[in-house]
Structures are given as structure tokens and as C-alpha cells.
N, C-alpha and C. Protein backbone atom coordinates (compact mmCIF):
# COMPACT_ATOMS: atom_id res chain seq x y z
N MET A 1 25.16 5.95 -14.44
CA MET A 1 24.72 6.74 -13.39
C MET A 1 23.51 7.15 -13.42
N ALA A 2 22.63 7.76 -14.40
CA ALA A 2 21.58 7.83 -14.54
C ALA A 2 20.55 6.89 -14.38
N GLN A 3 21.00 5.62 -14.82
CA GLN A 3 20.49 4.52 -14.73
C GLN A 3 19.90 4.03 -13.32
N ALA A 4 21.17 4.16 -12.37
CA ALA A 4 21.11 3.64 -10.94
C ALA A 4 20.28 4.80 -10.27
N ASN A 5 20.20 6.20 -10.47
CA ASN A 5 19.33 7.17 -9.89
C ASN A 5 17.98 6.73 -10.43
N LYS A 6 17.59 6.49 -11.55
CA LYS A 6 16.17 5.93 -12.00
C LYS A 6 15.83 5.04 -11.31
N LYS A 7 16.58 4.03 -11.01
CA LYS A 7 16.09 2.79 -9.95
C LYS A 7 15.64 3.05 -8.67
N HIS A 8 16.24 4.23 -7.90
CA HIS A 8 15.89 4.44 -6.82
C HIS A 8 14.68 5.44 -6.75
N ARG A 9 14.46 6.10 -7.93
CA ARG A 9 13.50 7.16 -7.58
C ARG A 9 12.14 6.65 -7.20
N LYS A 10 11.33 6.91 -6.36
CA LYS A 10 10.02 6.32 -5.90
C LYS A 10 9.01 6.77 -6.86
N PRO A 11 7.95 5.71 -7.02
CA PRO A 11 6.84 6.32 -8.34
C PRO A 11 6.21 7.24 -7.40
N ALA A 12 5.11 7.82 -8.34
CA ALA A 12 3.90 8.56 -7.51
C ALA A 12 2.74 7.84 -6.97
N ILE A 13 2.53 8.16 -5.78
CA ILE A 13 1.48 7.62 -5.30
C ILE A 13 0.42 8.23 -4.64
N THR A 14 -0.85 7.76 -4.58
CA THR A 14 -2.07 8.30 -4.34
C THR A 14 -2.76 7.61 -3.42
N VAL A 15 -3.07 8.27 -2.07
CA VAL A 15 -4.18 7.79 -1.10
C VAL A 15 -5.38 8.59 -1.14
N THR A 16 -6.42 8.03 -0.33
CA THR A 16 -7.78 8.55 -0.08
C THR A 16 -7.41 9.34 1.10
N ARG A 17 -8.14 10.52 1.12
CA ARG A 17 -8.41 11.32 2.28
C ARG A 17 -8.50 10.56 3.62
N THR A 18 -9.42 9.59 3.82
CA THR A 18 -9.45 9.03 4.74
C THR A 18 -8.35 8.10 5.17
N ASP A 19 -7.72 7.41 4.38
CA ASP A 19 -6.58 6.49 4.42
C ASP A 19 -5.52 7.50 5.23
N SER A 20 -5.49 8.39 4.44
CA SER A 20 -4.23 9.26 4.80
C SER A 20 -4.35 9.80 6.52
N GLU A 21 -5.46 10.14 6.75
CA GLU A 21 -5.79 10.66 8.11
C GLU A 21 -5.52 9.54 9.00
N ARG A 22 -6.13 8.45 8.89
CA ARG A 22 -5.74 7.01 9.66
C ARG A 22 -4.40 6.78 9.68
N LEU A 23 -3.78 6.93 8.81
CA LEU A 23 -2.65 6.16 8.65
C LEU A 23 -1.60 7.26 9.44
N TRP A 24 -1.87 8.63 9.42
CA TRP A 24 -1.13 9.47 9.85
C TRP A 24 -0.90 9.23 11.55
N ARG A 25 -2.36 9.03 11.73
CA ARG A 25 -2.53 8.99 13.26
C ARG A 25 -1.71 7.57 13.69
N LEU A 26 -1.93 6.60 13.00
CA LEU A 26 -1.64 5.45 13.36
C LEU A 26 0.30 5.36 13.29
N ALA A 27 0.89 5.89 12.32
CA ALA A 27 2.09 6.15 12.36
C ALA A 27 2.79 6.77 13.71
N GLU A 28 2.03 7.90 13.74
CA GLU A 28 2.61 9.06 14.83
C GLU A 28 2.35 8.01 16.17
N SER A 29 1.35 7.22 16.39
CA SER A 29 1.18 6.36 17.39
C SER A 29 2.00 5.23 17.79
N TYR A 30 2.73 4.69 16.51
CA TYR A 30 3.56 3.69 16.73
C TYR A 30 5.10 4.31 16.69
N ALA A 31 5.27 5.59 16.57
CA ALA A 31 6.53 6.16 16.59
C ALA A 31 7.64 5.70 17.65
N ASP A 32 7.16 5.41 18.76
CA ASP A 32 7.97 4.90 19.83
C ASP A 32 8.11 3.52 19.79
N ARG A 33 7.12 2.69 19.48
CA ARG A 33 7.35 1.20 19.32
C ARG A 33 8.07 0.71 18.06
N ASN A 34 7.75 1.43 17.22
CA ASN A 34 8.56 1.00 15.52
C ASN A 34 9.07 2.22 14.88
N PRO A 35 9.97 3.04 15.49
CA PRO A 35 10.42 3.95 14.68
C PRO A 35 10.55 4.22 13.08
N VAL A 36 11.41 2.93 12.99
CA VAL A 36 11.63 3.07 11.44
C VAL A 36 10.70 2.72 10.55
N VAL A 37 9.90 1.98 10.76
CA VAL A 37 8.65 1.60 9.99
C VAL A 37 7.64 2.80 10.01
N ALA A 38 7.55 3.32 11.01
CA ALA A 38 6.74 4.48 11.25
C ALA A 38 7.03 5.59 10.68
N GLU A 39 8.51 5.94 10.41
CA GLU A 39 8.79 7.40 9.90
C GLU A 39 8.87 6.65 8.65
N GLU A 40 9.19 5.73 7.87
CA GLU A 40 9.06 5.35 6.42
C GLU A 40 7.47 5.52 5.98
N LEU A 41 6.62 5.06 6.86
CA LEU A 41 5.05 5.42 6.47
C LEU A 41 4.73 6.82 6.42
N LEU A 42 5.07 8.01 7.37
CA LEU A 42 5.24 9.30 7.31
C LEU A 42 5.75 9.79 6.22
N ALA A 43 6.81 9.29 5.65
CA ALA A 43 7.47 9.96 4.53
C ALA A 43 6.86 9.62 3.21
N GLU A 44 6.02 8.44 3.18
CA GLU A 44 5.26 8.13 1.93
C GLU A 44 4.22 8.96 2.09
N LEU A 45 3.35 9.10 3.17
CA LEU A 45 2.21 9.56 3.40
C LEU A 45 2.51 11.18 2.88
N ASP A 46 3.54 11.98 3.42
CA ASP A 46 4.19 12.90 3.00
C ASP A 46 4.13 13.40 1.63
N ARG A 47 4.64 12.39 0.78
CA ARG A 47 4.77 12.55 -0.56
C ARG A 47 3.72 12.09 -1.70
N ALA A 48 2.69 11.50 -1.01
CA ALA A 48 1.48 10.98 -1.66
C ALA A 48 0.45 12.12 -2.10
N LYS A 49 0.03 11.94 -3.25
CA LYS A 49 -1.41 12.71 -3.63
C LYS A 49 -2.31 12.36 -2.92
N VAL A 50 -3.15 13.20 -2.08
CA VAL A 50 -4.15 12.82 -1.36
C VAL A 50 -5.52 13.25 -2.24
N VAL A 51 -6.46 11.92 -2.23
CA VAL A 51 -7.75 12.65 -3.35
C VAL A 51 -8.97 12.28 -2.37
N ASP A 52 -9.91 12.60 -2.70
CA ASP A 52 -11.24 12.22 -1.86
C ASP A 52 -11.41 10.95 -2.07
N ASP A 53 -11.98 10.25 -1.11
CA ASP A 53 -12.18 8.97 -0.89
C ASP A 53 -13.02 8.08 -2.40
N GLY A 54 -13.91 8.92 -2.90
CA GLY A 54 -14.51 8.50 -4.10
C GLY A 54 -13.97 8.85 -5.20
N ARG A 55 -12.86 9.48 -5.47
CA ARG A 55 -12.14 9.64 -6.49
C ARG A 55 -10.70 8.78 -6.83
N LEU A 56 -10.51 7.65 -5.69
CA LEU A 56 -9.30 6.84 -6.35
C LEU A 56 -9.49 5.71 -7.27
N ALA A 57 -8.76 5.76 -8.07
CA ALA A 57 -8.69 4.68 -9.15
C ALA A 57 -8.87 3.30 -8.60
N ALA A 58 -9.64 2.38 -8.84
CA ALA A 58 -9.85 0.87 -8.46
C ALA A 58 -8.52 0.16 -8.58
N GLU A 59 -7.50 0.61 -9.13
CA GLU A 59 -6.43 -0.13 -9.63
C GLU A 59 -5.12 0.26 -8.73
N VAL A 60 -5.67 1.17 -7.57
CA VAL A 60 -4.58 1.82 -6.45
C VAL A 60 -4.76 1.22 -5.31
N VAL A 61 -3.80 0.54 -4.88
CA VAL A 61 -3.57 0.17 -3.58
C VAL A 61 -4.19 1.17 -2.29
N ARG A 62 -5.12 0.73 -1.63
CA ARG A 62 -5.77 1.33 -0.44
C ARG A 62 -5.67 0.18 0.70
N MET A 63 -6.22 0.95 1.72
CA MET A 63 -6.14 -0.18 2.99
C MET A 63 -7.53 -1.02 2.71
N GLY A 64 -7.42 -2.17 2.80
CA GLY A 64 -8.41 -3.39 2.46
C GLY A 64 -8.44 -3.88 1.12
N SER A 65 -7.33 -3.20 -0.10
CA SER A 65 -7.25 -3.84 -1.26
C SER A 65 -6.64 -5.20 -1.41
N SER A 66 -7.08 -5.91 -2.12
CA SER A 66 -6.42 -7.23 -2.35
C SER A 66 -5.61 -7.01 -3.45
N LEU A 67 -4.48 -7.57 -3.66
CA LEU A 67 -3.53 -7.23 -4.85
C LEU A 67 -2.49 -8.19 -5.15
N ARG A 68 -2.14 -8.33 -6.40
CA ARG A 68 -1.22 -9.64 -6.48
C ARG A 68 0.09 -8.78 -6.95
N PHE A 69 1.33 -9.32 -6.47
CA PHE A 69 2.60 -8.61 -6.66
C PHE A 69 3.64 -9.78 -6.97
N THR A 70 4.54 -9.05 -7.75
CA THR A 70 5.94 -9.93 -8.28
C THR A 70 7.15 -9.19 -7.61
N SER A 71 8.19 -10.23 -7.48
CA SER A 71 9.29 -9.34 -6.87
C SER A 71 10.73 -9.99 -7.49
N ASP A 72 11.52 -9.27 -7.42
CA ASP A 72 12.88 -9.70 -7.88
C ASP A 72 13.30 -10.71 -7.11
N LEU A 73 13.01 -11.28 -6.36
CA LEU A 73 13.09 -12.73 -5.44
C LEU A 73 12.29 -13.92 -5.95
N GLY A 74 11.79 -13.63 -7.36
CA GLY A 74 10.90 -14.72 -8.02
C GLY A 74 9.50 -14.90 -7.12
N GLU A 75 9.00 -14.09 -6.00
CA GLU A 75 7.90 -14.35 -5.46
C GLU A 75 6.61 -14.02 -6.47
N ASP A 76 5.50 -14.50 -6.37
CA ASP A 76 4.24 -14.17 -7.08
C ASP A 76 3.09 -14.34 -5.84
N ARG A 77 2.96 -12.99 -5.04
CA ARG A 77 1.89 -13.21 -3.86
C ARG A 77 0.73 -12.47 -4.14
N ARG A 78 -0.24 -13.12 -3.63
CA ARG A 78 -1.66 -12.67 -3.48
C ARG A 78 -1.77 -11.94 -1.94
N VAL A 79 -2.01 -10.81 -1.48
CA VAL A 79 -2.16 -10.25 -0.12
C VAL A 79 -3.21 -9.29 -0.25
N THR A 80 -3.51 -9.01 0.88
CA THR A 80 -4.46 -7.68 1.54
C THR A 80 -3.69 -6.92 2.52
N LEU A 81 -3.88 -5.87 1.87
CA LEU A 81 -3.47 -4.58 2.94
C LEU A 81 -4.07 -4.34 4.05
N VAL A 82 -3.90 -4.60 5.28
CA VAL A 82 -4.84 -4.34 6.44
C VAL A 82 -3.89 -3.35 7.72
N PHE A 83 -4.95 -3.09 8.56
CA PHE A 83 -4.23 -2.58 9.81
C PHE A 83 -3.76 -3.45 10.46
N PRO A 84 -2.78 -2.91 11.77
CA PRO A 84 -2.22 -3.91 12.10
C PRO A 84 -2.78 -5.18 13.33
N GLY A 85 -3.99 -4.91 13.67
CA GLY A 85 -4.82 -5.69 14.51
C GLY A 85 -5.41 -6.82 13.40
N GLU A 86 -5.59 -6.28 12.11
CA GLU A 86 -6.39 -7.45 11.29
C GLU A 86 -4.81 -8.56 10.32
N ALA A 87 -3.60 -8.07 10.91
CA ALA A 87 -2.70 -8.87 10.06
C ALA A 87 -2.71 -10.58 10.40
N ASP A 88 -2.49 -11.03 9.19
CA ASP A 88 -2.42 -12.50 9.29
C ASP A 88 -1.75 -13.19 8.42
N ILE A 89 -0.42 -13.35 8.59
CA ILE A 89 0.47 -13.80 7.18
C ILE A 89 -0.09 -14.81 6.68
N ALA A 90 -0.67 -15.82 7.51
CA ALA A 90 -1.09 -17.07 7.21
C ALA A 90 -2.51 -17.13 6.14
N GLU A 91 -3.06 -16.16 6.14
CA GLU A 91 -4.12 -15.61 5.62
C GLU A 91 -3.92 -14.55 4.45
N GLY A 92 -2.67 -14.00 4.32
CA GLY A 92 -2.18 -13.15 3.13
C GLY A 92 -2.47 -11.89 3.94
N LYS A 93 -2.80 -11.44 5.03
CA LYS A 93 -3.31 -10.30 5.29
C LYS A 93 -2.00 -9.58 5.85
N VAL A 94 -1.48 -8.73 5.30
CA VAL A 94 -0.33 -7.90 5.65
C VAL A 94 -0.49 -6.76 6.09
N SER A 95 0.00 -6.41 7.31
CA SER A 95 -0.06 -4.88 7.92
C SER A 95 0.52 -3.94 7.23
N ILE A 96 0.09 -2.44 7.24
CA ILE A 96 0.47 -1.34 6.90
C ILE A 96 1.86 -1.36 7.69
N LEU A 97 2.16 -1.63 8.65
CA LEU A 97 3.20 -1.23 9.74
C LEU A 97 4.22 -2.39 9.34
N THR A 98 4.44 -2.60 8.13
CA THR A 98 5.58 -3.60 7.84
C THR A 98 6.32 -2.94 6.63
N PRO A 99 7.75 -3.41 6.54
CA PRO A 99 8.12 -2.51 5.42
C PRO A 99 7.49 -2.75 4.04
N ILE A 100 7.08 -3.95 3.78
CA ILE A 100 6.21 -4.33 2.52
C ILE A 100 4.88 -3.47 2.43
N GLY A 101 4.29 -3.39 3.69
CA GLY A 101 2.97 -2.70 3.62
C GLY A 101 2.93 -1.34 3.35
N VAL A 102 4.18 -0.72 4.00
CA VAL A 102 4.45 0.90 3.41
C VAL A 102 4.61 1.04 1.90
N ALA A 103 5.33 0.11 1.63
CA ALA A 103 6.00 0.16 0.25
C ALA A 103 4.88 -0.01 -1.01
N LEU A 104 3.80 -0.86 -0.44
CA LEU A 104 2.49 -0.95 -1.18
C LEU A 104 1.48 0.14 -1.19
N ILE A 105 1.51 0.83 -0.15
CA ILE A 105 0.34 1.60 -0.26
C ILE A 105 0.26 2.88 -1.24
N GLY A 106 -0.88 3.10 -1.99
CA GLY A 106 -0.91 4.15 -2.95
C GLY A 106 -0.22 3.53 -4.30
N LEU A 107 0.32 2.50 -4.48
CA LEU A 107 0.83 2.05 -5.84
C LEU A 107 -0.35 1.60 -6.78
N ALA A 108 -0.22 1.90 -7.93
CA ALA A 108 -1.10 1.42 -9.05
C ALA A 108 -0.58 0.31 -9.63
N ALA A 109 -1.72 -0.66 -10.17
CA ALA A 109 -1.24 -1.77 -10.78
C ALA A 109 -0.02 -1.34 -12.21
N GLY A 110 1.08 -1.88 -12.14
CA GLY A 110 2.11 -1.70 -13.22
C GLY A 110 2.97 -1.02 -12.35
N GLN A 111 2.95 -0.51 -11.45
CA GLN A 111 3.82 0.25 -10.95
C GLN A 111 5.11 -0.44 -10.18
N SER A 112 6.33 -0.26 -9.80
CA SER A 112 7.49 -0.93 -9.28
C SER A 112 7.61 0.03 -7.95
N ILE A 113 8.21 -0.68 -6.97
CA ILE A 113 9.06 0.20 -6.02
C ILE A 113 10.19 -0.54 -5.38
N ASP A 114 11.13 -0.10 -5.04
CA ASP A 114 12.32 -0.67 -4.16
C ASP A 114 11.84 -0.58 -2.89
N TRP A 115 12.23 -1.54 -1.88
CA TRP A 115 11.65 -1.57 -0.48
C TRP A 115 12.77 -2.32 0.28
N THR A 116 12.96 -1.86 1.37
CA THR A 116 14.17 -2.68 2.21
C THR A 116 13.44 -3.33 3.24
N ALA A 117 13.86 -4.61 3.57
CA ALA A 117 13.57 -5.83 4.12
C ALA A 117 13.89 -5.54 5.51
N ARG A 118 13.11 -6.03 6.74
CA ARG A 118 13.75 -5.90 8.00
C ARG A 118 15.41 -6.32 7.99
N ASP A 119 15.82 -7.26 7.05
CA ASP A 119 17.02 -7.78 7.27
C ASP A 119 18.16 -6.75 6.72
N GLY A 120 17.68 -5.54 6.15
CA GLY A 120 18.33 -4.66 5.74
C GLY A 120 18.74 -4.91 4.07
N ARG A 121 18.06 -5.77 3.53
CA ARG A 121 18.43 -5.80 2.00
C ARG A 121 17.35 -5.18 1.19
N THR A 122 17.67 -4.53 -0.01
CA THR A 122 16.41 -3.70 -0.62
C THR A 122 15.80 -4.86 -1.77
N HIS A 123 14.95 -4.95 -2.00
CA HIS A 123 14.18 -5.43 -3.14
C HIS A 123 13.37 -5.05 -3.76
N ARG A 124 12.79 -5.49 -5.33
CA ARG A 124 12.07 -4.74 -5.93
C ARG A 124 10.61 -5.35 -6.06
N LEU A 125 9.71 -4.61 -5.99
CA LEU A 125 8.46 -5.55 -6.21
C LEU A 125 7.63 -4.60 -7.15
N THR A 126 6.72 -5.53 -7.85
CA THR A 126 5.73 -4.95 -8.71
C THR A 126 4.09 -5.23 -8.80
N VAL A 127 3.31 -4.35 -8.66
CA VAL A 127 2.20 -4.67 -8.31
C VAL A 127 1.57 -4.88 -9.61
N GLU A 128 1.04 -6.21 -9.66
CA GLU A 128 0.58 -6.59 -11.11
C GLU A 128 -0.83 -6.46 -11.20
N SER A 129 -1.70 -6.63 -9.99
CA SER A 129 -3.12 -6.22 -10.09
C SER A 129 -3.58 -5.96 -8.74
N VAL A 130 -4.84 -5.08 -8.96
CA VAL A 130 -5.46 -4.66 -7.39
C VAL A 130 -7.12 -4.64 -7.64
N ASP A 131 -7.60 -5.49 -6.43
CA ASP A 131 -8.95 -5.28 -6.40
C ASP A 131 -9.10 -4.52 -5.01
N ALA A 132 -9.87 -3.23 -5.70
CA ALA A 132 -10.69 -2.38 -4.50
C ALA A 132 -11.13 -3.25 -3.28
N PRO A 133 -11.15 -2.58 -2.06
CA PRO A 133 -12.09 -2.99 -1.11
C PRO A 133 -13.34 -3.52 -1.45
N GLY A 134 -13.98 -4.51 -1.15
CA GLY A 134 -15.47 -4.83 -1.29
C GLY A 134 -15.71 -4.80 -2.72
N SER A 135 -14.59 -5.60 -3.84
CA SER A 135 -14.83 -5.41 -4.99
C SER A 135 -15.82 -6.73 -5.51
N GLN A 136 -15.99 -7.64 -4.81
CA GLN A 136 -16.75 -8.66 -4.92
C GLN A 136 -17.99 -8.26 -4.73
N ALA A 137 -18.54 -7.43 -4.04
CA ALA A 137 -19.86 -6.97 -3.82
C ALA A 137 -20.02 -5.71 -4.77
N ALA A 138 -18.83 -5.15 -5.48
CA ALA A 138 -18.94 -4.29 -6.64
C ALA A 138 -19.88 -4.66 -7.59
N SER A 139 -19.89 -6.12 -7.96
CA SER A 139 -21.10 -6.09 -9.38
C SER A 139 -22.16 -6.24 -8.86
N ALA A 140 -22.70 -6.40 -7.65
CA ALA A 140 -23.98 -6.13 -7.14
C ALA A 140 -24.26 -4.76 -6.74
N THR A 141 -23.43 -4.17 -6.32
CA THR A 141 -23.57 -2.52 -6.22
C THR A 141 -22.61 -1.89 -7.06
N PRO A 142 -22.81 -1.11 -8.15
CA PRO A 142 -21.87 -0.52 -9.13
C PRO A 142 -21.55 0.96 -8.51
N SER A 143 -22.09 1.29 -7.89
CA SER A 143 -22.15 2.82 -7.57
C SER A 143 -20.59 2.85 -6.68
N ALA A 144 -19.97 3.84 -6.93
CA ALA A 144 -18.63 4.02 -6.43
C ALA A 144 -19.26 4.61 -4.87
N GLU A 145 -20.32 5.57 -4.90
CA GLU A 145 -20.15 6.09 -3.54
C GLU A 145 -20.86 4.78 -2.58
N LEU A 146 -21.47 3.70 -2.85
CA LEU A 146 -21.96 2.71 -2.08
C LEU A 146 -20.61 2.02 -1.93
N ARG A 147 -19.92 1.79 -2.35
CA ARG A 147 -18.20 1.05 -2.23
C ARG A 147 -17.74 1.86 -1.05
N ALA A 148 -17.69 3.04 -1.19
CA ALA A 148 -16.62 4.18 -0.67
C ALA A 148 -17.34 4.00 0.93
N ALA A 149 -18.36 3.95 0.87
CA ALA A 149 -19.54 4.29 2.41
C ALA A 149 -19.25 2.86 2.99
N SER A 150 -18.91 1.52 2.53
CA SER A 150 -18.73 0.37 3.33
C SER A 150 -17.41 0.06 4.06
């Protein structure tokens, strides 16, 4: 029984103050159009630890992060977490307003979470690696402040 409860415990997540504020507004604005996902996002934001923008570790998924995850379905995917207007599944750009987008926000490399797909089935995904937004430019501009400002 303890094993089953452990499986459903959600991992600790962390988000930046800017992402938190923008995502709260986004979720509230989508509450009428997509209430299930909006409520899931609000619940995740409510339980998240919020940190100043420059204090989030590079291996934590934030808006604009590119990441690799594996799933219990045998998937091994590379995606970028984006706002709805930027979503393009053909380019691997996953909207935060999807069940998998909500599941990914705030996770660190090595963490796993259960998420419920639109068909009602529960799946488990594990974040394998995370590249912070702008990390390609990070080698040219190592300052965290410069990356956070872009």
C-alpha cells in the first residue's frame, strides 16, 4: 500500500517568479476555455516553490527550456516548453496548456511525475536532461544575469 501511495506523490517543483506570475494569469484567462488543464496548472503553481528569476538551477524546466524526457510508453522525446501561441508539435514545441506541459513545468533532471493524458490514461515521465532557455548563447555570455534578461 505504501508503494502505491509513493507512486502518486508529486515531486517538489520550482518555478521562477516571472514564470509563476505569467502562468497564473494565463491559467486564469483559460479557465473558461480549458478548465481541466487550467486547474491543473493552477494546482501545480500553487504547490511550486517560487524563486527569483536568476536563482533557478539550469537543470530545472522553465518556460522556453528544451528538455529530453522518457516515458513508461517507451518514448524518448526532446521538446521545448512554450506558451500556447508558440506551440508546434512538428517542431517539438509543447504548450504549457497541455497535460504534458503542465506535468513538465518546474521538474529537474532526474525527476519523474505521473500525468493524465487527454484520453484519461495515467502515464509516467522522467526528465532526463534540461537545457535552459538561451543555453546555446550561454557559452558566449556566461553571466546568469544576461541569460535571465534575454
